[in-house]
Amino acid sequence: MDPVVGWRTSVRLPRDHYVRLDSNDYSVHPSAIGRHVEVRADLQHVVVTCGGVEVARHHRCWANHQTLSDPEHVAAAAQMRRSRRLAAVPVFDTSVEHRDLSAYDRLFDLDSEGIA
């Protein structure tokens, strides 16, 4: 039996759809944003699954402070942002009372002729 090697954790995928391993950020398909994902890494790969479905696979980067983006993830995120912007936002009709400003002059006993 082979020994268990590697690294594993479970995190909630943030809005930027990247997970961090060591000091590097790896993109994940944005459909998993807000959901718990499992991140597994070995010496060669970083694999992210959500509900048992693979949502990212990258070659492990041993350099420091790198951002590794899959073009498919970037395109999907851009499409989701476009569709979100184009989504209809409900308009609420809010009635606001219109008051004559002279009511405040009367309230504070101000003479409109004596004010410069």
PDB file of N, CA and C in Angstrom:
ATOM      1  N   MET A   1       0.845  -1.173   0.000  1.00  0.00           N
ATOM      2  CA  MET A   1       0.000   0.000   0.000  1.00  0.00           C
ATOM      3  C   MET A   1       0.895   1.242   0.000  1.00  0.00           C
ATOM      4  N   ASP A   2       0.572   2.191  -0.874  1.00  0.00           N
ATOM      5  CA  ASP A   2       1.336   3.433  -0.965  1.00  0.00           C
ATOM      6  C   ASP A   2       0.992   4.347   0.204  1.00  0.00           C
ATOM      7  N   PRO A   3       1.967   5.088   0.700  1.00  0.00           N
ATOM      8  CA  PRO A   3       1.670   6.038   1.778  1.00  0.00           C
ATOM      9  C   PRO A   3       0.849   7.206   1.238  1.00  0.00           C
ATOM     10  N   VAL A   4       0.053   7.788   2.112  1.00  0.00           N
ATOM     11  CA  VAL A   4      -0.744   8.953   1.740  1.00  0.00           C
ATOM     12  C   VAL A   4       0.180  10.167   1.743  1.00  0.00           C
ATOM     13  N   VAL A   5       0.241  10.836   0.615  1.00  0.00           N
ATOM     14  CA  VAL A   5       1.064  12.041   0.510  1.00  0.00           C
ATOM     15  C   VAL A   5       0.203  13.168  -0.021  1.00  0.00           C
ATOM     16  N   GLY A   6       0.634  14.364   0.236  1.00  0.00           N
ATOM     17  CA  GLY A   6      -0.082  15.508  -0.311  1.00  0.00           C
ATOM     18  C   GLY A   6      -0.691  16.365   0.769  1.00  0.00           C
ATOM     19  N   TRP A   7      -1.550  17.240   0.324  1.00  0.00           N
ATOM     20  CA  TRP A   7      -2.149  18.247   1.174  1.00  0.00           C
ATOM     21  C   TRP A   7      -3.623  18.313   0.824  1.00  0.00           C
ATOM     22  N   ARG A   8      -4.480  18.492   1.831  1.00  0.00           N
ATOM     23  CA  ARG A   8      -5.924  18.529   1.587  1.00  0.00           C
ATOM     24  C   ARG A   8      -6.578  19.482   2.579  1.00  0.00           C
ATOM     25  N   THR A   9      -7.523  20.273   2.070  1.00  0.00           N
ATOM     26  CA  THR A   9      -8.305  21.152   2.936  1.00  0.00           C
ATOM     27  C   THR A   9      -9.656  21.407   2.278  1.00  0.00           C
ATOM     28  N   SER A  10     -10.575  21.934   3.054  1.00  0.00           N
ATOM     29  CA  SER A  10     -11.894  22.300   2.547  1.00  0.00           C
ATOM     30  C   SER A  10     -12.139  23.757   2.913  1.00  0.00           C
ATOM     31  N   VAL A  11     -12.535  24.546   1.932  1.00  0.00           N
ATOM     32  CA  VAL A  11     -12.784  25.979   2.150  1.00  0.00           C
ATOM     33  C   VAL A  11     -14.034  26.391   1.385  1.00  0.00           C
ATOM     34  N   ARG A  12     -14.591  27.525   1.771  1.00  0.00           N
ATOM     35  CA  ARG A  12     -15.675  28.129   0.988  1.00  0.00           C
ATOM     36  C   ARG A  12     -15.010  29.002  -0.069  1.00  0.00           C
ATOM     37  N   LEU A  13     -15.385  28.796  -1.339  1.00  0.00           N
ATOM     38  CA  LEU A  13     -14.745  29.534  -2.429  1.00  0.00           C
ATOM     39  C   LEU A  13     -15.172  30.997  -2.379  1.00  0.00           C
ATOM     40  N   PRO A  14     -14.205  31.924  -2.272  1.00  0.00           N
ATOM     41  CA  PRO A  14     -14.553  33.347  -2.191  1.00  0.00           C
ATOM     42  C   PRO A  14     -14.982  33.920  -3.539  1.00  0.00           C
ATOM     43  N   ARG A  15     -15.439  35.162  -3.508  1.00  0.00           N
ATOM     44  CA  ARG A  15     -15.964  35.816  -4.715  1.00  0.00           C
ATOM     45  C   ARG A  15     -14.940  35.957  -5.816  1.00  0.00           C
ATOM     46  N   ASP A  16     -13.664  36.001  -5.467  1.00  0.00           N
ATOM     47  CA  ASP A  16     -12.656  36.148  -6.518  1.00  0.00           C
ATOM     48  C   ASP A  16     -12.338  34.820  -7.210  1.00  0.00           C
ATOM     49  N   HIS A  17     -12.943  33.730  -6.796  1.00  0.00           N
ATOM     50  CA  HIS A  17     -12.849  32.368  -7.337  1.00  0.00           C
ATOM     51  C   HIS A  17     -11.422  31.837  -7.438  1.00  0.00           C
ATOM     52  N   TYR A  18     -10.594  32.178  -6.452  1.00  0.00           N
ATOM     53  CA  TYR A  18      -9.229  31.648  -6.368  1.00  0.00           C
ATOM     54  C   TYR A  18      -9.039  30.991  -5.007  1.00  0.00           C
ATOM     55  N   VAL A  19      -8.279  29.895  -4.983  1.00  0.00           N
ATOM     56  CA  VAL A  19      -7.874  29.273  -3.725  1.00  0.00           C
ATOM     57  C   VAL A  19      -6.371  29.465  -3.573  1.00  0.00           C
ATOM     58  N   ARG A  20      -5.917  29.566  -2.344  1.00  0.00           N
ATOM     59  CA  ARG A  20      -4.492  29.788  -2.087  1.00  0.00           C
ATOM     60  C   ARG A  20      -3.870  28.526  -1.522  1.00  0.00           C
ATOM     61  N   LEU A  21      -2.770  28.148  -2.119  1.00  0.00           N
ATOM     62  CA  LEU A  21      -1.959  27.036  -1.634  1.00  0.00           C
ATOM     63  C   LEU A  21      -0.543  27.566  -1.492  1.00  0.00           C
ATOM     64  N   ASP A  22       0.009  27.442  -0.303  1.00  0.00           N
ATOM     65  CA  ASP A  22       1.282  28.071   0.030  1.00  0.00           C
ATOM     66  C   ASP A  22       1.123  29.568  -0.240  1.00  0.00           C
ATOM     67  N   SER A  23       1.869  30.148  -1.133  1.00  0.00           N
ATOM     68  CA  SER A  23       1.712  31.580  -1.399  1.00  0.00           C
ATOM     69  C   SER A  23       1.139  31.828  -2.790  1.00  0.00           C
ATOM     70  N   ASN A  24       0.643  30.772  -3.446  1.00  0.00           N
ATOM     71  CA  ASN A  24       0.142  30.900  -4.819  1.00  0.00           C
ATOM     72  C   ASN A  24      -1.376  30.816  -4.859  1.00  0.00           C
ATOM     73  N   ASP A  25      -1.971  31.551  -5.809  1.00  0.00           N
ATOM     74  CA  ASP A  25      -3.417  31.540  -6.008  1.00  0.00           C
ATOM     75  C   ASP A  25      -3.742  30.773  -7.279  1.00  0.00           C
ATOM     76  N   TYR A  26      -4.706  29.851  -7.177  1.00  0.00           N
ATOM     77  CA  TYR A  26      -5.124  29.017  -8.301  1.00  0.00           C
ATOM     78  C   TYR A  26      -6.601  29.297  -8.586  1.00  0.00           C
ATOM     79  N   SER A  27      -6.933  29.513  -9.870  1.00  0.00           N
ATOM     80  CA  SER A  27      -8.320  29.812 -10.227  1.00  0.00           C
ATOM     81  C   SER A  27      -9.182  28.560 -10.125  1.00  0.00           C
ATOM     82  N   VAL A  28     -10.458  28.793  -9.851  1.00  0.00           N
ATOM     83  CA  VAL A  28     -11.468  27.738  -9.777  1.00  0.00           C
ATOM     84  C   VAL A  28     -12.644  28.217 -10.615  1.00  0.00           C
ATOM     85  N   HIS A  29     -13.366  27.286 -11.230  1.00  0.00           N
ATOM     86  CA  HIS A  29     -14.524  27.695 -12.035  1.00  0.00           C
ATOM     87  C   HIS A  29     -15.480  28.496 -11.152  1.00  0.00           C
ATOM     88  N   PRO A  30     -15.912  29.672 -11.601  1.00  0.00           N
ATOM     89  CA  PRO A  30     -16.718  30.551 -10.754  1.00  0.00           C
ATOM     90  C   PRO A  30     -18.108  30.016 -10.417  1.00  0.00           C
ATOM     91  N   SER A  31     -18.537  28.936 -11.040  1.00  0.00           N
ATOM     92  CA  SER A  31     -19.837  28.361 -10.676  1.00  0.00           C
ATOM     93  C   SER A  31     -19.829  27.833  -9.246  1.00  0.00           C
ATOM     94  N   ALA A  32     -18.647  27.664  -8.663  1.00  0.00           N
ATOM     95  CA  ALA A  32     -18.537  27.148  -7.296  1.00  0.00           C
ATOM     96  C   ALA A  32     -18.410  28.257  -6.252  1.00  0.00           C
ATOM     97  N   ILE A  33     -18.533  29.508  -6.653  1.00  0.00           N
ATOM     98  CA  ILE A  33     -18.405  30.620  -5.702  1.00  0.00           C
ATOM     99  C   ILE A  33     -19.441  30.470  -4.596  1.00  0.00           C
ATOM    100  N   GLY A  34     -18.973  30.637  -3.361  1.00  0.00           N
ATOM    101  CA  GLY A  34     -19.859  30.557  -2.207  1.00  0.00           C
ATOM    102  C   GLY A  34     -20.102  29.150  -1.698  1.00  0.00           C
ATOM    103  N   ARG A  35     -19.610  28.152  -2.389  1.00  0.00           N
ATOM    104  CA  ARG A  35     -19.818  26.761  -1.979  1.00  0.00           C
ATOM    105  C   ARG A  35     -18.537  26.206  -1.376  1.00  0.00           C
ATOM    106  N   HIS A  36     -18.691  25.150  -0.588  1.00  0.00           N
ATOM    107  CA  HIS A  36     -17.517  24.491  -0.018  1.00  0.00           C
ATOM    108  C   HIS A  36     -16.835  23.668  -1.103  1.00  0.00           C
ATOM    109  N   VAL A  37     -15.537  23.859  -1.232  1.00  0.00           N
ATOM    110  CA  VAL A  37     -14.745  23.095  -2.193  1.00  0.00           C
ATOM    111  C   VAL A  37     -13.634  22.380  -1.436  1.00  0.00           C
ATOM    112  N   GLU A  38     -13.213  21.265  -1.982  1.00  0.00           N
ATOM    113  CA  GLU A  38     -12.098  20.525  -1.400  1.00  0.00           C
ATOM    114  C   GLU A  38     -10.876  20.742  -2.278  1.00  0.00           C
ATOM    115  N   VAL A  39      -9.791  21.158  -1.664  1.00  0.00           N
ATOM    116  CA  VAL A  39      -8.545  21.419  -2.378  1.00  0.00           C
ATOM    117  C   VAL A  39      -7.568  20.310  -2.011  1.00  0.00           C
ATOM    118  N   ARG A  40      -7.064  19.629  -3.031  1.00  0.00           N
ATOM    119  CA  ARG A  40      -6.066  18.574  -2.830  1.00  0.00           C
ATOM    120  C   ARG A  40      -4.843  18.915  -3.664  1.00  0.00           C
ATOM    121  N   ALA A  41      -3.684  18.682  -3.099  1.00  0.00           N
ATOM    122  CA  ALA A  41      -2.446  18.959  -3.825  1.00  0.00           C
ATOM    123  C   ALA A  41      -1.448  17.848  -3.553  1.00  0.00           C
ATOM    124  N   ASP A  42      -0.707  17.514  -4.593  1.00  0.00           N
ATOM    125  CA  ASP A  42       0.428  16.609  -4.439  1.00  0.00           C
ATOM    126  C   ASP A  42       1.639  17.305  -5.046  1.00  0.00           C
ATOM    127  N   LEU A  43       2.657  16.569  -5.358  1.00  0.00           N
ATOM    128  CA  LEU A  43       3.869  17.200  -5.879  1.00  0.00           C
ATOM    129  C   LEU A  43       3.694  17.760  -7.285  1.00  0.00           C
ATOM    130  N   GLN A  44       2.719  17.246  -8.047  1.00  0.00           N
ATOM    131  CA  GLN A  44       2.550  17.672  -9.438  1.00  0.00           C
ATOM    132  C   GLN A  44       1.320  18.540  -9.693  1.00  0.00           C
ATOM    133  N   HIS A  45       0.217  18.301  -8.981  1.00  0.00           N
ATOM    134  CA  HIS A  45      -1.047  18.947  -9.334  1.00  0.00           C
ATOM    135  C   HIS A  45      -1.753  19.552  -8.125  1.00  0.00           C
ATOM    136  N   VAL A  46      -2.618  20.516  -8.432  1.00  0.00           N
ATOM    137  CA  VAL A  46      -3.577  21.057  -7.475  1.00  0.00           C
ATOM    138  C   VAL A  46      -4.947  20.793  -8.087  1.00  0.00           C
ATOM    139  N   VAL A  47      -5.798  20.070  -7.357  1.00  0.00           N
ATOM    140  CA  VAL A  47      -7.121  19.696  -7.859  1.00  0.00           C
ATOM    141  C   VAL A  47      -8.166  20.215  -6.878  1.00  0.00           C
ATOM    142  N   VAL A  48      -9.206  20.858  -7.419  1.00  0.00           N
ATOM    143  CA  VAL A  48     -10.285  21.387  -6.595  1.00  0.00           C
ATOM    144  C   VAL A  48     -11.576  20.711  -7.027  1.00  0.00           C
ATOM    145  N   THR A  49     -12.328  20.183  -6.048  1.00  0.00           N
ATOM    146  CA  THR A  49     -13.610  19.543  -6.343  1.00  0.00           C
ATOM    147  C   THR A  49     -14.707  20.216  -5.530  1.00  0.00           C
ATOM    148  N   CYS A  50     -15.902  20.175  -6.078  1.00  0.00           N
ATOM    149  CA  CYS A  50     -17.080  20.724  -5.406  1.00  0.00           C
ATOM    150  C   CYS A  50     -18.181  19.680  -5.520  1.00  0.00           C
ATOM    151  N   GLY A  51     -18.576  19.113  -4.410  1.00  0.00           N
ATOM    152  CA  GLY A  51     -19.597  18.070  -4.441  1.00  0.00           C
ATOM    153  C   GLY A  51     -19.153  16.858  -5.238  1.00  0.00           C
ATOM    154  N   GLY A  52     -17.877  16.563  -5.228  1.00  0.00           N
ATOM    155  CA  GLY A  52     -17.347  15.415  -5.957  1.00  0.00           C
ATOM    156  C   GLY A  52     -17.045  15.683  -7.419  1.00  0.00           C
ATOM    157  N   VAL A  53     -17.362  16.872  -7.913  1.00  0.00           N
ATOM    158  CA  VAL A  53     -17.120  17.234  -9.312  1.00  0.00           C
ATOM    159  C   VAL A  53     -15.863  18.102  -9.380  1.00  0.00           C
ATOM    160  N   GLU A  54     -14.956  17.760 -10.274  1.00  0.00           N
ATOM    161  CA  GLU A  54     -13.729  18.538 -10.425  1.00  0.00           C
ATOM    162  C   GLU A  54     -14.044  19.891 -11.059  1.00  0.00           C
ATOM    163  N   VAL A  55     -13.662  20.964 -10.366  1.00  0.00           N
ATOM    164  CA  VAL A  55     -13.911  22.316 -10.875  1.00  0.00           C
ATOM    165  C   VAL A  55     -12.620  23.060 -11.190  1.00  0.00           C
ATOM    166  N   ALA A  56     -11.471  22.453 -10.902  1.00  0.00           N
ATOM    167  CA  ALA A  56     -10.181  23.050 -11.263  1.00  0.00           C
ATOM    168  C   ALA A  56      -9.089  21.998 -11.178  1.00  0.00           C
ATOM    169  N   ARG A  57      -8.136  22.114 -12.103  1.00  0.00           N
ATOM    170  CA  ARG A  57      -6.931  21.278 -12.079  1.00  0.00           C
ATOM    171  C   ARG A  57      -5.804  22.115 -12.659  1.00  0.00           C
ATOM    172  N   HIS A  58      -4.762  22.275 -11.876  1.00  0.00           N
ATOM    173  CA  HIS A  58      -3.596  23.054 -12.286  1.00  0.00           C
ATOM    174  C   HIS A  58      -2.335  22.251 -12.001  1.00  0.00           C
ATOM    175  N   HIS A  59      -1.294  22.517 -12.788  1.00  0.00           N
ATOM    176  CA  HIS A  59       0.026  22.007 -12.437  1.00  0.00           C
ATOM    177  C   HIS A  59       0.491  22.793 -11.222  1.00  0.00           C
ATOM    178  N   ARG A  60       1.052  22.106 -10.267  1.00  0.00           N
ATOM    179  CA  ARG A  60       1.512  22.780  -9.051  1.00  0.00           C
ATOM    180  C   ARG A  60       2.678  23.698  -9.387  1.00  0.00           C
ATOM    181  N   CYS A  61       2.623  24.898  -8.867  1.00  0.00           N
ATOM    182  CA  CYS A  61       3.672  25.896  -9.080  1.00  0.00           C
ATOM    183  C   CYS A  61       4.496  25.993  -7.800  1.00  0.00           C
ATOM    184  N   TRP A  62       5.794  25.847  -7.947  1.00  0.00           N
ATOM    185  CA  TRP A  62       6.679  25.889  -6.787  1.00  0.00           C
ATOM    186  C   TRP A  62       7.313  27.261  -6.592  1.00  0.00           C
ATOM    187  N   ALA A  63       7.059  28.194  -7.490  1.00  0.00           N
ATOM    188  CA  ALA A  63       7.528  29.565  -7.295  1.00  0.00           C
ATOM    189  C   ALA A  63       6.654  30.221  -6.221  1.00  0.00           C
ATOM    190  N   ASN A  64       7.044  31.382  -5.771  1.00  0.00           N
ATOM    191  CA  ASN A  64       6.290  32.085  -4.731  1.00  0.00           C
ATOM    192  C   ASN A  64       5.469  33.225  -5.314  1.00  0.00           C
ATOM    193  N   HIS A  65       4.320  33.473  -4.702  1.00  0.00           N
ATOM    194  CA  HIS A  65       3.472  34.634  -4.995  1.00  0.00           C
ATOM    195  C   HIS A  65       3.048  34.693  -6.465  1.00  0.00           C
ATOM    196  N   GLN A  66       2.593  33.573  -6.993  1.00  0.00           N
ATOM    197  CA  GLN A  66       2.129  33.505  -8.379  1.00  0.00           C
ATOM    198  C   GLN A  66       0.608  33.387  -8.399  1.00  0.00           C
ATOM    199  N   THR A  67      -0.001  33.860  -9.479  1.00  0.00           N
ATOM    200  CA  THR A  67      -1.429  33.685  -9.709  1.00  0.00           C
ATOM    201  C   THR A  67      -1.577  32.853 -10.964  1.00  0.00           C
ATOM    202  N   LEU A  68      -2.206  31.690 -10.829  1.00  0.00           N
ATOM    203  CA  LEU A  68      -2.376  30.778 -11.960  1.00  0.00           C
ATOM    204  C   LEU A  68      -3.849  30.765 -12.343  1.00  0.00           C
ATOM    205  N   SER A  69      -4.146  31.228 -13.559  1.00  0.00           N
ATOM    206  CA  SER A  69      -5.524  31.367 -14.023  1.00  0.00           C
ATOM    207  C   SER A  69      -5.757  30.484 -15.230  1.00  0.00           C
ATOM    208  N   ASP A  70      -6.797  29.690 -15.167  1.00  0.00           N
ATOM    209  CA  ASP A  70      -7.227  28.897 -16.310  1.00  0.00           C
ATOM    210  C   ASP A  70      -8.060  29.824 -17.198  1.00  0.00           C
ATOM    211  N   PRO A  71      -7.746  29.943 -18.497  1.00  0.00           N
ATOM    212  CA  PRO A  71      -8.510  30.838 -19.378  1.00  0.00           C
ATOM    213  C   PRO A  71     -10.012  30.532 -19.377  1.00  0.00           C
ATOM    214  N   GLU A  72     -10.374  29.275 -19.204  1.00  0.00           N
ATOM    215  CA  GLU A  72     -11.799  28.911 -19.150  1.00  0.00           C
ATOM    216  C   GLU A  72     -12.461  29.519 -17.909  1.00  0.00           C
ATOM    217  N   HIS A  73     -11.763  29.524 -16.793  1.00  0.00           N
ATOM    218  CA  HIS A  73     -12.309  30.114 -15.567  1.00  0.00           C
ATOM    219  C   HIS A  73     -12.454  31.624 -15.713  1.00  0.00           C
ATOM    220  N   VAL A  74     -11.475  32.265 -16.329  1.00  0.00           N
ATOM    221  CA  VAL A  74     -11.517  33.714 -16.525  1.00  0.00           C
ATOM    222  C   VAL A  74     -12.677  34.087 -17.446  1.00  0.00           C
ATOM    223  N   ALA A  75     -12.856  33.327 -18.534  1.00  0.00           N
ATOM    224  CA  ALA A  75     -13.951  33.601 -19.476  1.00  0.00           C
ATOM    225  C   ALA A  75     -15.307  33.382 -18.808  1.00  0.00           C
ATOM    226  N   ALA A  76     -15.429  32.322 -18.019  1.00  0.00           N
ATOM    227  CA  ALA A  76     -16.700  32.051 -17.333  1.00  0.00           C
ATOM    228  C   ALA A  76     -17.018  33.158 -16.333  1.00  0.00           C
ATOM    229  N   ALA A  77     -16.011  33.652 -15.630  1.00  0.00           N
ATOM    230  CA  ALA A  77     -16.230  34.741 -14.674  1.00  0.00           C
ATOM    231  C   ALA A  77     -16.673  36.011 -15.395  1.00  0.00           C
ATOM    232  N   ALA A  78     -16.056  36.307 -16.528  1.00  0.00           N
ATOM    233  CA  ALA A  78     -16.443  37.495 -17.300  1.00  0.00           C
ATOM    234  C   ALA A  78     -17.882  37.368 -17.789  1.00  0.00           C
ATOM    235  N   GLN A  79     -18.254  36.186 -18.256  1.00  0.00           N
ATOM    236  CA  GLN A  79     -19.623  35.958 -18.722  1.00  0.00           C
ATOM    237  C   GLN A  79     -20.621  36.111 -17.573  1.00  0.00           C
ATOM    238  N   MET A  80     -20.282  35.584 -16.412  1.00  0.00           N
ATOM    239  CA  MET A  80     -21.180  35.705 -15.258  1.00  0.00           C
ATOM    240  C   MET A  80     -21.338  37.163 -14.839  1.00  0.00           C
ATOM    241  N   ARG A  81     -20.245  37.948 -14.894  1.00  0.00           N
ATOM    242  CA  ARG A  81     -20.346  39.372 -14.558  1.00  0.00           C
ATOM    243  C   ARG A  81     -21.225  40.110 -15.561  1.00  0.00           C
ATOM    244  N   ARG A  82     -21.055  39.789 -16.864  1.00  0.00           N
ATOM    245  CA  ARG A  82     -21.886  40.439 -17.894  1.00  0.00           C
ATOM    246  C   ARG A  82     -23.359  40.114 -17.682  1.00  0.00           C
ATOM    247  N   SER A  83     -23.669  38.859 -17.442  1.00  0.00           N
ATOM    248  CA  SER A  83     -25.073  38.478 -17.282  1.00  0.00           C
ATOM    249  C   SER A  83     -25.655  39.078 -16.008  1.00  0.00           C
ATOM    250  N   ARG A  84     -24.834  39.240 -14.987  1.00  0.00           N
ATOM    251  CA  ARG A  84     -25.303  39.854 -13.739  1.00  0.00           C
ATOM    252  C   ARG A  84     -25.616  41.329 -13.961  1.00  0.00           C
ATOM    253  N   ARG A  85     -24.762  42.009 -14.733  1.00  0.00           N
ATOM    254  CA  ARG A  85     -24.995  43.424 -15.015  1.00  0.00           C
ATOM    255  C   ARG A  85     -26.253  43.630 -15.843  1.00  0.00           C
ATOM    256  N   LEU A  86     -26.536  42.685 -16.737  1.00  0.00           N
ATOM    257  CA  LEU A  86     -27.686  42.827 -17.621  1.00  0.00           C
ATOM    258  C   LEU A  86     -28.984  42.352 -16.980  1.00  0.00           C
ATOM    259  N   ALA A  87     -28.892  41.716 -15.832  1.00  0.00           N
ATOM    260  CA  ALA A  87     -30.095  41.220 -15.160  1.00  0.00           C
ATOM    261  C   ALA A  87     -30.972  42.406 -14.767  1.00  0.00           C
ATOM    262  N   ALA A  88     -32.261  42.216 -14.902  1.00  0.00           N
ATOM    263  CA  ALA A  88     -33.203  43.278 -14.572  1.00  0.00           C
ATOM    264  C   ALA A  88     -33.216  43.508 -13.064  1.00  0.00           C
ATOM    265  N   VAL A  89     -33.096  44.757 -12.687  1.00  0.00           N
ATOM    266  CA  VAL A  89     -33.162  45.131 -11.281  1.00  0.00           C
ATOM    267  C   VAL A  89     -34.553  45.694 -11.036  1.00  0.00           C
ATOM    268  N   PRO A  90     -35.273  45.159 -10.058  1.00  0.00           N
ATOM    269  CA  PRO A  90     -36.628  45.668  -9.823  1.00  0.00           C
ATOM    270  C   PRO A  90     -36.593  47.128  -9.379  1.00  0.00           C
ATOM    271  N   VAL A  91     -37.519  47.899  -9.914  1.00  0.00           N
ATOM    272  CA  VAL A  91     -37.624  49.312  -9.574  1.00  0.00           C
ATOM    273  C   VAL A  91     -38.740  49.461  -8.555  1.00  0.00           C
ATOM    274  N   PHE A  92     -38.417  50.072  -7.444  1.00  0.00           N
ATOM    275  CA  PHE A  92     -39.406  50.281  -6.401  1.00  0.00           C
ATOM    276  C   PHE A  92     -39.924  51.705  -6.501  1.00  0.00           C
ATOM    277  N   ASP A  93     -41.248  51.851  -6.500  1.00  0.00           N
ATOM    278  CA  ASP A  93     -41.854  53.178  -6.544  1.00  0.00           C
ATOM    279  C   ASP A  93     -41.994  53.660  -5.109  1.00  0.00           C
ATOM    280  N   THR A  94     -41.169  54.605  -4.743  1.00  0.00           N
ATOM    281  CA  THR A  94     -41.187  55.131  -3.385  1.00  0.00           C
ATOM    282  C   THR A  94     -41.759  56.532  -3.430  1.00  0.00           C
ATOM    283  N   SER A  95     -42.854  56.716  -2.724  1.00  0.00           N
ATOM    284  CA  SER A  95     -43.448  58.052  -2.704  1.00  0.00           C
ATOM    285  C   SER A  95     -42.773  58.864  -1.607  1.00  0.00           C
ATOM    286  N   VAL A  96     -42.471  60.101  -1.935  1.00  0.00           N
ATOM    287  CA  VAL A  96     -41.807  61.007  -1.010  1.00  0.00           C
ATOM    288  C   VAL A  96     -42.682  62.242  -0.858  1.00  0.00           C
ATOM    289  N   GLU A  97     -42.876  62.651   0.380  1.00  0.00           N
ATOM    290  CA  GLU A  97     -43.690  63.828   0.633  1.00  0.00           C
ATOM    291  C   GLU A  97     -42.930  65.080   0.204  1.00  0.00           C
ATOM    292  N   HIS A  98     -43.617  65.964  -0.515  1.00  0.00           N
ATOM    293  CA  HIS A  98     -43.027  67.238  -0.925  1.00  0.00           C
ATOM    294  C   HIS A  98     -43.594  68.320  -0.013  1.00  0.00           C
ATOM    295  N   ARG A  99     -42.723  68.995   0.690  1.00  0.00           N
ATOM    296  CA  ARG A  99     -43.151  70.001   1.647  1.00  0.00           C
ATOM    297  C   ARG A  99     -42.675  71.373   1.174  1.00  0.00           C
ATOM    298  N   ASP A 100     -43.529  72.344   1.350  1.00  0.00           N
ATOM    299  CA  ASP A 100     -43.168  73.724   1.040  1.00  0.00           C
ATOM    300  C   ASP A 100     -42.126  74.182   2.058  1.00  0.00           C
ATOM    301  N   LEU A 101     -40.999  74.712   1.591  1.00  0.00           N
ATOM    302  CA  LEU A 101     -39.912  75.097   2.487  1.00  0.00           C
ATOM    303  C   LEU A 101     -40.282  76.252   3.416  1.00  0.00           C
ATOM    304  N   SER A 102     -41.314  76.991   3.079  1.00  0.00           N
ATOM    305  CA  SER A 102     -41.730  78.084   3.968  1.00  0.00           C
ATOM    306  C   SER A 102     -42.278  77.534   5.287  1.00  0.00           C
ATOM    307  N   ALA A 103     -42.633  76.258   5.325  1.00  0.00           N
ATOM    308  CA  ALA A 103     -43.093  75.645   6.573  1.00  0.00           C
ATOM    309  C   ALA A 103     -41.980  75.669   7.616  1.00  0.00           C
ATOM    310  N   TYR A 104     -40.742  75.542   7.190  1.00  0.00           N
ATOM    311  CA  TYR A 104     -39.618  75.595   8.127  1.00  0.00           C
ATOM    312  C   TYR A 104     -39.402  77.019   8.632  1.00  0.00           C
ATOM    313  N   ASP A 105     -39.621  77.995   7.763  1.00  0.00           N
ATOM    314  CA  ASP A 105     -39.512  79.385   8.209  1.00  0.00           C
ATOM    315  C   ASP A 105     -40.537  79.662   9.302  1.00  0.00           C
ATOM    316  N   ARG A 106     -41.757  79.182   9.118  1.00  0.00           N
ATOM    317  CA  ARG A 106     -42.796  79.380  10.126  1.00  0.00           C
ATOM    318  C   ARG A 106     -42.459  78.618  11.406  1.00  0.00           C
ATOM    319  N   LEU A 107     -41.883  77.445  11.272  1.00  0.00           N
ATOM    320  CA  LEU A 107     -41.543  76.620  12.431  1.00  0.00           C
ATOM    321  C   LEU A 107     -40.514  77.311  13.322  1.00  0.00           C
ATOM    322  N   PHE A 108     -39.552  77.976  12.716  1.00  0.00           N
ATOM    323  CA  PHE A 108     -38.491  78.628  13.484  1.00  0.00           C
ATOM    324  C   PHE A 108     -38.706  80.139  13.617  1.00  0.00           C
ATOM    325  N   ASP A 109     -39.919  80.590  13.323  1.00  0.00           N
ATOM    326  CA  ASP A 109     -40.269  82.009  13.415  1.00  0.00           C
ATOM    327  C   ASP A 109     -39.276  82.886  12.669  1.00  0.00           C
ATOM    328  N   LEU A 110     -38.962  82.512  11.440  1.00  0.00           N
ATOM    329  CA  LEU A 110     -38.050  83.292  10.613  1.00  0.00           C
ATOM    330  C   LEU A 110     -38.854  84.133   9.642  1.00  0.00           C
ATOM    331  N   ASP A 111     -38.441  85.356   9.503  1.00  0.00           N
ATOM    332  CA  ASP A 111     -39.081  86.254   8.555  1.00  0.00           C
ATOM    333  C   ASP A 111     -38.284  86.172   7.263  1.00  0.00           C
ATOM    334  N   SER A 112     -38.916  85.729   6.186  1.00  0.00           N
ATOM    335  CA  SER A 112     -38.203  85.533   4.930  1.00  0.00           C
ATOM    336  C   SER A 112     -37.648  86.842   4.373  1.00  0.00           C
ATOM    337  N   GLU A 113     -38.226  87.985   4.752  1.00  0.00           N
ATOM    338  CA  GLU A 113     -37.725  89.260   4.250  1.00  0.00           C
ATOM    339  C   GLU A 113     -36.465  89.690   4.993  1.00  0.00           C
ATOM    340  N   GLY A 114     -36.293  89.261   6.240  1.00  0.00           N
ATOM    341  CA  GLY A 114     -35.149  89.691   7.036  1.00  0.00           C
ATOM    342  C   GLY A 114     -33.918  88.812   6.850  1.00  0.00           C
ATOM    343  N   ILE A 115     -34.016  87.761   6.067  1.00  0.00           N
ATOM    344  CA  ILE A 115     -32.889  86.846   5.864  1.00  0.00           C
ATOM    345  C   ILE A 115     -32.218  87.186   4.551  1.00  0.00           C
ATOM    346  N   ALA A 116     -30.896  87.316   4.593  1.00  0.00           N
ATOM    347  CA  ALA A 116     -30.154  87.659   3.385  1.00  0.00           C
ATOM    348  C   ALA A 116     -29.823  86.421   2.610  1.00  0.00           C
TER     349      ALA A 116
END
